[in-house]
Amino acid sequence: MFDVINSGKKKFEVRIEDDCKFNEGDILILKEFEDNKFTGRELRKEITFILRTKECGFLKEDDINKYGFSILSLK
């Protein structure tokens, strides 16, 4: 997924909302992992829009109920 973001094709990120409290204008640092190891490559993406919701079918229901999640638009 790292290369798809790096190429500019993927311009969003879905995250559990938890305690990060993302805001528009924040810089999200994305680090590439392969085989559970950090490769050393990273991207910095500005958050340009946030959709906060609790409606999603692919995350753990307990986490969604506790935190909700954020869909982050990246620039």
PDB file of N, CA and C in Angstrom:
ATOM      1  N   MET A   1       0.816  -1.188   0.000  1.00  0.00           N
ATOM      2  CA  MET A   1       0.000   0.000   0.000  1.00  0.00           C
ATOM      3  C   MET A   1       0.864   1.257   0.000  1.00  0.00           C
ATOM      4  N   PHE A   2       2.062   1.165   0.553  1.00  0.00           N
ATOM      5  CA  PHE A   2       2.965   2.308   0.613  1.00  0.00           C
ATOM      6  C   PHE A   2       3.222   2.882  -0.779  1.00  0.00           C
ATOM      7  N   ASP A   3       3.498   2.019  -1.760  1.00  0.00           N
ATOM      8  CA  ASP A   3       3.801   2.492  -3.121  1.00  0.00           C
ATOM      9  C   ASP A   3       2.597   3.155  -3.779  1.00  0.00           C
ATOM     10  N   VAL A   4       1.397   2.701  -3.460  1.00  0.00           N
ATOM     11  CA  VAL A   4       0.191   3.310  -4.037  1.00  0.00           C
ATOM     12  C   VAL A   4       0.010   4.735  -3.508  1.00  0.00           C
ATOM     13  N   ILE A   5       0.319   4.932  -2.239  1.00  0.00           N
ATOM     14  CA  ILE A   5       0.263   6.285  -1.671  1.00  0.00           C
ATOM     15  C   ILE A   5       1.401   7.130  -2.244  1.00  0.00           C
ATOM     16  N   ASN A   6       2.593   6.554  -2.313  1.00  0.00           N
ATOM     17  CA  ASN A   6       3.763   7.262  -2.829  1.00  0.00           C
ATOM     18  C   ASN A   6       3.553   7.715  -4.276  1.00  0.00           C
ATOM     19  N   SER A   7       2.857   6.909  -5.074  1.00  0.00           N
ATOM     20  CA  SER A   7       2.609   7.252  -6.476  1.00  0.00           C
ATOM     21  C   SER A   7       1.565   8.358  -6.620  1.00  0.00           C
ATOM     22  N   GLY A   8       0.798   8.607  -5.570  1.00  0.00           N
ATOM     23  CA  GLY A   8      -0.249   9.619  -5.624  1.00  0.00           C
ATOM     24  C   GLY A   8      -1.608   9.059  -5.996  1.00  0.00           C
ATOM     25  N   LYS A   9      -1.682   7.766  -6.292  1.00  0.00           N
ATOM     26  CA  LYS A   9      -2.949   7.155  -6.675  1.00  0.00           C
ATOM     27  C   LYS A   9      -3.921   7.085  -5.489  1.00  0.00           C
ATOM     28  N   LYS A  10      -3.436   6.685  -4.322  1.00  0.00           N
ATOM     29  CA  LYS A  10      -4.268   6.621  -3.118  1.00  0.00           C
ATOM     30  C   LYS A  10      -4.092   7.922  -2.349  1.00  0.00           C
ATOM     31  N   LYS A  11      -5.182   8.655  -2.160  1.00  0.00           N
ATOM     32  CA  LYS A  11      -5.122   9.966  -1.519  1.00  0.00           C
ATOM     33  C   LYS A  11      -5.939  10.017  -0.225  1.00  0.00           C
ATOM     34  N   PHE A  12      -6.111   8.864   0.413  1.00  0.00           N
ATOM     35  CA  PHE A  12      -6.863   8.829   1.663  1.00  0.00           C
ATOM     36  C   PHE A  12      -6.275   7.767   2.575  1.00  0.00           C
ATOM     37  N   GLU A  13      -6.604   7.854   3.841  1.00  0.00           N
ATOM     38  CA  GLU A  13      -6.158   6.886   4.830  1.00  0.00           C
ATOM     39  C   GLU A  13      -7.298   6.684   5.821  1.00  0.00           C
ATOM     40  N   VAL A  14      -7.541   5.435   6.227  1.00  0.00           N
ATOM     41  CA  VAL A  14      -8.561   5.123   7.224  1.00  0.00           C
ATOM     42  C   VAL A  14      -7.844   4.725   8.502  1.00  0.00           C
ATOM     43  N   ARG A  15      -8.201   5.376   9.577  1.00  0.00           N
ATOM     44  CA  ARG A  15      -7.558   5.121  10.867  1.00  0.00           C
ATOM     45  C   ARG A  15      -8.591   5.040  11.969  1.00  0.00           C
ATOM     46  N   ILE A  16      -8.303   4.203  12.994  1.00  0.00           N
ATOM     47  CA  ILE A  16      -9.087   4.249  14.224  1.00  0.00           C
ATOM     48  C   ILE A  16      -8.841   5.625  14.847  1.00  0.00           C
ATOM     49  N   GLU A  17      -9.884   6.254  15.310  1.00  0.00           N
ATOM     50  CA  GLU A  17      -9.787   7.626  15.817  1.00  0.00           C
ATOM     51  C   GLU A  17      -8.899   7.719  17.059  1.00  0.00           C
ATOM     52  N   ASP A  18      -8.936   6.792  17.938  1.00  0.00           N
ATOM     53  CA  ASP A  18      -8.221   6.713  19.221  1.00  0.00           C
ATOM     54  C   ASP A  18      -7.802   8.056  19.789  1.00  0.00           C
ATOM     55  N   ASP A  19      -6.630   8.152  20.373  1.00  0.00           N
ATOM     56  CA  ASP A  19      -6.259   9.374  21.091  1.00  0.00           C
ATOM     57  C   ASP A  19      -5.400  10.327  20.259  1.00  0.00           C
ATOM     58  N   CYS A  20      -5.205  10.046  18.976  1.00  0.00           N
ATOM     59  CA  CYS A  20      -4.367  10.929  18.152  1.00  0.00           C
ATOM     60  C   CYS A  20      -5.029  12.266  17.881  1.00  0.00           C
ATOM     61  N   LYS A  21      -6.342  12.273  17.811  1.00  0.00           N
ATOM     62  CA  LYS A  21      -7.095  13.500  17.569  1.00  0.00           C
ATOM     63  C   LYS A  21      -6.552  14.243  16.356  1.00  0.00           C
ATOM     64  N   PHE A  22      -6.635  13.599  15.191  1.00  0.00           N
ATOM     65  CA  PHE A  22      -6.177  14.199  13.954  1.00  0.00           C
ATOM     66  C   PHE A  22      -6.915  15.507  13.676  1.00  0.00           C
ATOM     67  N   ASN A  23      -6.225  16.446  13.058  1.00  0.00           N
ATOM     68  CA  ASN A  23      -6.814  17.713  12.654  1.00  0.00           C
ATOM     69  C   ASN A  23      -6.387  18.039  11.237  1.00  0.00           C
ATOM     70  N   GLU A  24      -7.240  18.777  10.516  1.00  0.00           N
ATOM     71  CA  GLU A  24      -6.842  19.254   9.198  1.00  0.00           C
ATOM     72  C   GLU A  24      -5.583  20.105   9.351  1.00  0.00           C
ATOM     73  N   GLY A  25      -4.641  19.936   8.432  1.00  0.00           N
ATOM     74  CA  GLY A  25      -3.371  20.652   8.494  1.00  0.00           C
ATOM     75  C   GLY A  25      -2.257  19.864   9.167  1.00  0.00           C
ATOM     76  N   ASP A  26      -2.618  18.818   9.948  1.00  0.00           N
ATOM     77  CA  ASP A  26      -1.598  17.962  10.569  1.00  0.00           C
ATOM     78  C   ASP A  26      -0.815  17.232   9.480  1.00  0.00           C
ATOM     79  N   ILE A  27       0.411  16.867   9.799  1.00  0.00           N
ATOM     80  CA  ILE A  27       1.235  16.061   8.903  1.00  0.00           C
ATOM     81  C   ILE A  27       1.226  14.629   9.425  1.00  0.00           C
ATOM     82  N   LEU A  28       0.784  13.710   8.563  1.00  0.00           N
ATOM     83  CA  LEU A  28       0.756  12.287   8.887  1.00  0.00           C
ATOM     84  C   LEU A  28       2.034  11.668   8.342  1.00  0.00           C
ATOM     85  N   ILE A  29       2.816  11.022   9.205  1.00  0.00           N
ATOM     86  CA  ILE A  29       4.042  10.350   8.784  1.00  0.00           C
ATOM     87  C   ILE A  29       3.727   8.868   8.614  1.00  0.00           C
ATOM     88  N   LEU A  30       3.834   8.399   7.375  1.00  0.00           N
ATOM     89  CA  LEU A  30       3.547   7.003   7.044  1.00  0.00           C
ATOM     90  C   LEU A  30       4.859   6.266   6.856  1.00  0.00           C
ATOM     91  N   LYS A  31       5.058   5.193   7.591  1.00  0.00           N
ATOM     92  CA  LYS A  31       6.297   4.419   7.524  1.00  0.00           C
ATOM     93  C   LYS A  31       6.020   3.059   6.893  1.00  0.00           C
ATOM     94  N   GLU A  32       6.883   2.657   5.982  1.00  0.00           N
ATOM     95  CA  GLU A  32       6.718   1.381   5.293  1.00  0.00           C
ATOM     96  C   GLU A  32       7.254   0.238   6.150  1.00  0.00           C
ATOM     97  N   PHE A  33       6.436  -0.818   6.259  1.00  0.00           N
ATOM     98  CA  PHE A  33       6.834  -2.029   6.960  1.00  0.00           C
ATOM     99  C   PHE A  33       6.716  -3.207   6.004  1.00  0.00           C
ATOM    100  N   GLU A  34       7.694  -4.088   6.015  1.00  0.00           N
ATOM    101  CA  GLU A  34       7.649  -5.350   5.280  1.00  0.00           C
ATOM    102  C   GLU A  34       8.139  -6.438   6.218  1.00  0.00           C
ATOM    103  N   ASP A  35       7.434  -7.545   6.245  1.00  0.00           N
ATOM    104  CA  ASP A  35       7.788  -8.660   7.142  1.00  0.00           C
ATOM    105  C   ASP A  35       7.936  -8.187   8.579  1.00  0.00           C
ATOM    106  N   ASN A  36       7.004  -7.322   8.997  1.00  0.00           N
ATOM    107  CA  ASN A  36       6.976  -6.773  10.361  1.00  0.00           C
ATOM    108  C   ASN A  36       8.221  -5.982  10.722  1.00  0.00           C
ATOM    109  N   LYS A  37       8.933  -5.452   9.710  1.00  0.00           N
ATOM    110  CA  LYS A  37      10.126  -4.633   9.960  1.00  0.00           C
ATOM    111  C   LYS A  37      10.011  -3.324   9.196  1.00  0.00           C
ATOM    112  N   PHE A  38      10.468  -2.245   9.813  1.00  0.00           N
ATOM    113  CA  PHE A  38      10.492  -0.932   9.189  1.00  0.00           C
ATOM    114  C   PHE A  38      11.574  -0.914   8.113  1.00  0.00           C
ATOM    115  N   THR A  39      11.209  -0.515   6.889  1.00  0.00           N
ATOM    116  CA  THR A  39      12.166  -0.519   5.769  1.00  0.00           C
ATOM    117  C   THR A  39      13.053   0.720   5.735  1.00  0.00           C
ATOM    118  N   GLY A  40      12.655   1.758   6.455  1.00  0.00           N
ATOM    119  CA  GLY A  40      13.396   3.022   6.422  1.00  0.00           C
ATOM    120  C   GLY A  40      12.741   4.059   5.521  1.00  0.00           C
ATOM    121  N   ARG A  41      11.782   3.621   4.679  1.00  0.00           N
ATOM    122  CA  ARG A  41      11.084   4.579   3.823  1.00  0.00           C
ATOM    123  C   ARG A  41       9.903   5.174   4.578  1.00  0.00           C
ATOM    124  N   GLU A  42       9.710   6.464   4.401  1.00  0.00           N
ATOM    125  CA  GLU A  42       8.553   7.108   5.000  1.00  0.00           C
ATOM    126  C   GLU A  42       8.068   8.248   4.115  1.00  0.00           C
ATOM    127  N   LEU A  43       6.796   8.567   4.272  1.00  0.00           N
ATOM    128  CA  LEU A  43       6.163   9.664   3.551  1.00  0.00           C
ATOM    129  C   LEU A  43       5.559  10.613   4.559  1.00  0.00           C
ATOM    130  N   ARG A  44       5.526  11.874   4.212  1.00  0.00           N
ATOM    131  CA  ARG A  44       4.848  12.879   5.024  1.00  0.00           C
ATOM    132  C   ARG A  44       3.719  13.441   4.176  1.00  0.00           C
ATOM    133  N   LYS A  45       2.496  13.321   4.685  1.00  0.00           N
ATOM    134  CA  LYS A  45       1.314  13.763   3.966  1.00  0.00           C
ATOM    135  C   LYS A  45       0.493  14.695   4.844  1.00  0.00           C
ATOM    136  N   GLU A  46       0.059  15.801   4.254  1.00  0.00           N
ATOM    137  CA  GLU A  46      -0.784  16.748   4.973  1.00  0.00           C
ATOM    138  C   GLU A  46      -2.226  16.250   4.966  1.00  0.00           C
ATOM    139  N   ILE A  47      -2.895  16.324   6.109  1.00  0.00           N
ATOM    140  CA  ILE A  47      -4.305  15.971   6.207  1.00  0.00           C
ATOM    141  C   ILE A  47      -5.110  17.178   5.745  1.00  0.00           C
ATOM    142  N   THR A  48      -5.891  16.999   4.678  1.00  0.00           N
ATOM    143  CA  THR A  48      -6.647  18.116   4.110  1.00  0.00           C
ATOM    144  C   THR A  48      -8.131  18.064   4.447  1.00  0.00           C
ATOM    145  N   PHE A  49      -8.646  16.896   4.848  1.00  0.00           N
ATOM    146  CA  PHE A  49     -10.065  16.746   5.200  1.00  0.00           C
ATOM    147  C   PHE A  49     -10.209  15.514   6.074  1.00  0.00           C
ATOM    148  N   ILE A  50     -11.130  15.559   7.025  1.00  0.00           N
ATOM    149  CA  ILE A  50     -11.381  14.412   7.904  1.00  0.00           C
ATOM    150  C   ILE A  50     -12.876  14.121   7.936  1.00  0.00           C
ATOM    151  N   LEU A  51     -13.226  12.874   7.654  1.00  0.00           N
ATOM    152  CA  LEU A  51     -14.600  12.390   7.810  1.00  0.00           C
ATOM    153  C   LEU A  51     -14.599  11.493   9.034  1.00  0.00           C
ATOM    154  N   ARG A  52     -15.271  11.916  10.091  1.00  0.00           N
ATOM    155  CA  ARG A  52     -15.350  11.107  11.312  1.00  0.00           C
ATOM    156  C   ARG A  52     -16.698  10.391  11.332  1.00  0.00           C
ATOM    157  N   THR A  53     -16.657   9.081  11.562  1.00  0.00           N
ATOM    158  CA  THR A  53     -17.874   8.279  11.569  1.00  0.00           C
ATOM    159  C   THR A  53     -17.636   6.988  12.343  1.00  0.00           C
ATOM    160  N   LYS A  54     -18.689   6.250  12.602  1.00  0.00           N
ATOM    161  CA  LYS A  54     -18.569   4.932  13.238  1.00  0.00           C
ATOM    162  C   LYS A  54     -19.145   3.848  12.353  1.00  0.00           C
ATOM    163  N   GLU A  55     -19.382   4.143  11.080  1.00  0.00           N
ATOM    164  CA  GLU A  55     -19.975   3.176  10.159  1.00  0.00           C
ATOM    165  C   GLU A  55     -18.917   2.595   9.228  1.00  0.00           C
ATOM    166  N   CYS A  56     -18.515   1.337   9.478  1.00  0.00           N
ATOM    167  CA  CYS A  56     -17.519   0.675   8.639  1.00  0.00           C
ATOM    168  C   CYS A  56     -17.568  -0.817   8.919  1.00  0.00           C
ATOM    169  N   GLY A  57     -17.371  -1.640   7.898  1.00  0.00           N
ATOM    170  CA  GLY A  57     -17.477  -3.072   8.088  1.00  0.00           C
ATOM    171  C   GLY A  57     -16.166  -3.820   8.159  1.00  0.00           C
ATOM    172  N   PHE A  58     -15.004  -3.169   8.072  1.00  0.00           N
ATOM    173  CA  PHE A  58     -13.761  -3.927   7.995  1.00  0.00           C
ATOM    174  C   PHE A  58     -12.823  -3.723   9.187  1.00  0.00           C
ATOM    175  N   LEU A  59     -13.261  -3.034  10.218  1.00  0.00           N
ATOM    176  CA  LEU A  59     -12.459  -2.875  11.422  1.00  0.00           C
ATOM    177  C   LEU A  59     -13.150  -3.617  12.575  1.00  0.00           C
ATOM    178  N   LYS A  60     -12.408  -3.869  13.652  1.00  0.00           N
ATOM    179  CA  LYS A  60     -12.970  -4.579  14.791  1.00  0.00           C
ATOM    180  C   LYS A  60     -14.126  -3.775  15.385  1.00  0.00           C
ATOM    181  N   GLU A  61     -15.247  -4.449  15.571  1.00  0.00           N
ATOM    182  CA  GLU A  61     -16.441  -3.774  16.084  1.00  0.00           C
ATOM    183  C   GLU A  61     -16.191  -3.131  17.445  1.00  0.00           C
ATOM    184  N   ASP A  62     -15.441  -3.796  18.316  1.00  0.00           N
ATOM    185  CA  ASP A  62     -15.144  -3.223  19.636  1.00  0.00           C
ATOM    186  C   ASP A  62     -14.373  -1.914  19.504  1.00  0.00           C
ATOM    187  N   ASP A  63     -13.386  -1.873  18.580  1.00  0.00           N
ATOM    188  CA  ASP A  63     -12.612  -0.649  18.379  1.00  0.00           C
ATOM    189  C   ASP A  63     -13.477   0.464  17.785  1.00  0.00           C
ATOM    190  N   ILE A  64     -14.325   0.105  16.826  1.00  0.00           N
ATOM    191  CA  ILE A  64     -15.213   1.104  16.227  1.00  0.00           C
ATOM    192  C   ILE A  64     -16.147   1.683  17.280  1.00  0.00           C
ATOM    193  N   ASN A  65     -16.741   0.814  18.099  1.00  0.00           N
ATOM    194  CA  ASN A  65     -17.652   1.279  19.134  1.00  0.00           C
ATOM    195  C   ASN A  65     -16.953   2.145  20.170  1.00  0.00           C
ATOM    196  N   LYS A  66     -15.713   1.810  20.493  1.00  0.00           N
ATOM    197  CA  LYS A  66     -14.979   2.561  21.511  1.00  0.00           C
ATOM    198  C   LYS A  66     -14.465   3.892  20.971  1.00  0.00           C
ATOM    199  N   TYR A  67     -13.877   3.883  19.742  1.00  0.00           N
ATOM    200  CA  TYR A  67     -13.181   5.058  19.240  1.00  0.00           C
ATOM    201  C   TYR A  67     -13.844   5.735  18.048  1.00  0.00           C
ATOM    202  N   GLY A  68     -14.554   4.960  17.217  1.00  0.00           N
ATOM    203  CA  GLY A  68     -14.912   5.468  15.899  1.00  0.00           C
ATOM    204  C   GLY A  68     -13.655   5.431  15.052  1.00  0.00           C
ATOM    205  N   PHE A  69     -13.698   6.001  13.869  1.00  0.00           N
ATOM    206  CA  PHE A  69     -12.491   6.048  13.059  1.00  0.00           C
ATOM    207  C   PHE A  69     -12.517   7.265  12.174  1.00  0.00           C
ATOM    208  N   SER A  70     -11.408   7.578  11.573  1.00  0.00           N
ATOM    209  CA  SER A  70     -11.265   8.756  10.724  1.00  0.00           C
ATOM    210  C   SER A  70     -10.856   8.320   9.336  1.00  0.00           C
ATOM    211  N   ILE A  71     -11.415   8.953   8.334  1.00  0.00           N
ATOM    212  CA  ILE A  71     -10.950   8.812   6.971  1.00  0.00           C
ATOM    213  C   ILE A  71     -10.266  10.126   6.636  1.00  0.00           C
ATOM    214  N   LEU A  72      -8.966  10.051   6.343  1.00  0.00           N
ATOM    215  CA  LEU A  72      -8.144  11.241   6.171  1.00  0.00           C
ATOM    216  C   LEU A  72      -7.852  11.465   4.694  1.00  0.00           C
ATOM    217  N   SER A  73      -8.167  12.633   4.185  1.00  0.00           N
ATOM    218  CA  SER A  73      -7.811  13.001   2.819  1.00  0.00           C
ATOM    219  C   SER A  73      -6.405  13.578   2.844  1.00  0.00           C
ATOM    220  N   LEU A  74      -5.525  13.104   1.966  1.00  0.00           N
ATOM    221  CA  LEU A  74      -4.111  13.464   1.998  1.00  0.00           C
ATOM    222  C   LEU A  74      -3.716  14.285   0.784  1.00  0.00           C
ATOM    223  N   LYS A  75      -2.744  15.164   0.976  1.00  0.00           N
ATOM    224  CA  LYS A  75      -2.224  15.997  -0.114  1.00  0.00           C
ATOM    225  C   LYS A  75      -0.746  15.772  -0.256  1.00  0.00           C
TER     226      LYS A  75
END
